[in-house]
Amino acid sequence: MKLTPELHPFLKPGELDSEIVLMHGFDALMEEDAVEIIQFSISEHQKNAYLH
């Protein structure tokens, strides 16, 4: 969580353990890209969740 440490407390263990492949490597990753990846990861992990 180098680029977005403020989001770390909000992520669940399954979201933190997601494997991510960066096509252009970590050096090319920008902060807005990291936020987009995190948002996608959260939505993927909540696909089968029931909201009360």
C-alpha atoms as a PDB file:
ATOM      1  CA  MET A   1       0.000   0.000   0.000  1.00  0.00           C
ATOM      2  CA  LYS A   2       2.811   2.377  -0.890  1.00  0.00           C
ATOM      3  CA  LEU A   3       0.654   4.616  -3.069  1.00  0.00           C
ATOM      4  CA  THR A   4      -2.550   4.703  -1.039  1.00  0.00           C
ATOM      5  CA  PRO A   5      -1.782   3.903   2.616  1.00  0.00           C
ATOM      6  CA  GLU A   6      -4.899   5.763   3.780  1.00  0.00           C
ATOM      7  CA  LEU A   7      -7.072   3.026   2.206  1.00  0.00           C
ATOM      8  CA  HIS A   8      -5.316   0.158   4.007  1.00  0.00           C
ATOM      9  CA  PRO A   9      -7.516   0.178   7.173  1.00  0.00           C
ATOM     10  CA  PHE A  10     -10.684  -0.134   5.074  1.00  0.00           C
ATOM     11  CA  LEU A  11      -9.663  -3.254   3.153  1.00  0.00           C
ATOM     12  CA  LYS A  12     -10.612  -6.759   4.233  1.00  0.00           C
ATOM     13  CA  PRO A  13      -7.987  -9.547   4.411  1.00  0.00           C
ATOM     14  CA  GLY A  14      -9.267 -11.116   1.171  1.00  0.00           C
ATOM     15  CA  GLU A  15      -8.935  -7.813  -0.641  1.00  0.00           C
ATOM     16  CA  LEU A  16      -5.424  -7.311   0.706  1.00  0.00           C
ATOM     17  CA  ASP A  17      -4.409 -10.794  -0.456  1.00  0.00           C
ATOM     18  CA  SER A  18      -5.523 -10.269  -4.067  1.00  0.00           C
ATOM     19  CA  GLU A  19      -2.908 -10.932  -6.704  1.00  0.00           C
ATOM     20  CA  ILE A  20      -2.507  -8.089  -9.170  1.00  0.00           C
ATOM     21  CA  VAL A  21      -0.469  -8.211 -12.365  1.00  0.00           C
ATOM     22  CA  LEU A  22       0.833  -4.894 -13.647  1.00  0.00           C
ATOM     23  CA  MET A  23       1.371  -4.976 -17.406  1.00  0.00           C
ATOM     24  CA  HIS A  24       3.878  -2.098 -17.373  1.00  0.00           C
ATOM     25  CA  GLY A  25       5.393  -2.776 -13.956  1.00  0.00           C
ATOM     26  CA  PHE A  26       5.175  -1.068 -10.602  1.00  0.00           C
ATOM     27  CA  ASP A  27       7.241   1.924 -11.689  1.00  0.00           C
ATOM     28  CA  ALA A  28       4.571   2.904 -14.231  1.00  0.00           C
ATOM     29  CA  LEU A  29       1.740   2.679 -11.674  1.00  0.00           C
ATOM     30  CA  MET A  30       0.248   6.049 -10.783  1.00  0.00           C
ATOM     31  CA  GLU A  31      -1.831   6.798  -7.675  1.00  0.00           C
ATOM     32  CA  GLU A  32      -5.106   7.070  -9.616  1.00  0.00           C
ATOM     33  CA  ASP A  33      -4.371   3.667 -11.193  1.00  0.00           C
ATOM     34  CA  ALA A  34      -3.881   2.169  -7.724  1.00  0.00           C
ATOM     35  CA  VAL A  35      -7.200   3.619  -6.537  1.00  0.00           C
ATOM     36  CA  GLU A  36      -8.966   2.185  -9.599  1.00  0.00           C
ATOM     37  CA  ILE A  37      -7.440  -1.253  -8.957  1.00  0.00           C
ATOM     38  CA  ILE A  38      -8.516  -1.109  -5.312  1.00  0.00           C
ATOM     39  CA  GLN A  39     -12.068  -0.107  -6.260  1.00  0.00           C
ATOM     40  CA  PHE A  40     -12.268  -2.970  -8.758  1.00  0.00           C
ATOM     41  CA  SER A  41     -10.898  -5.431  -6.183  1.00  0.00           C
ATOM     42  CA  ILE A  42     -13.506  -4.352  -3.626  1.00  0.00           C
ATOM     43  CA  SER A  43     -16.340  -4.680  -6.145  1.00  0.00           C
ATOM     44  CA  GLU A  44     -15.105  -8.139  -7.212  1.00  0.00           C
ATOM     45  CA  HIS A  45     -15.013  -9.335  -3.600  1.00  0.00           C
ATOM     46  CA  GLN A  46     -18.536  -7.985  -2.962  1.00  0.00           C
ATOM     47  CA  LYS A  47     -20.174  -9.573  -6.023  1.00  0.00           C
ATOM     48  CA  ASN A  48     -21.770 -12.411  -4.063  1.00  0.00           C
ATOM     49  CA  ALA A  49     -22.272 -10.490  -0.832  1.00  0.00           C
ATOM     50  CA  TYR A  50     -25.749  -9.793   0.487  1.00  0.00           C
ATOM     51  CA  LEU A  51     -26.512  -6.302   1.671  1.00  0.00           C
ATOM     52  CA  HIS A  52     -28.761  -6.004   4.702  1.00  0.00           C
END
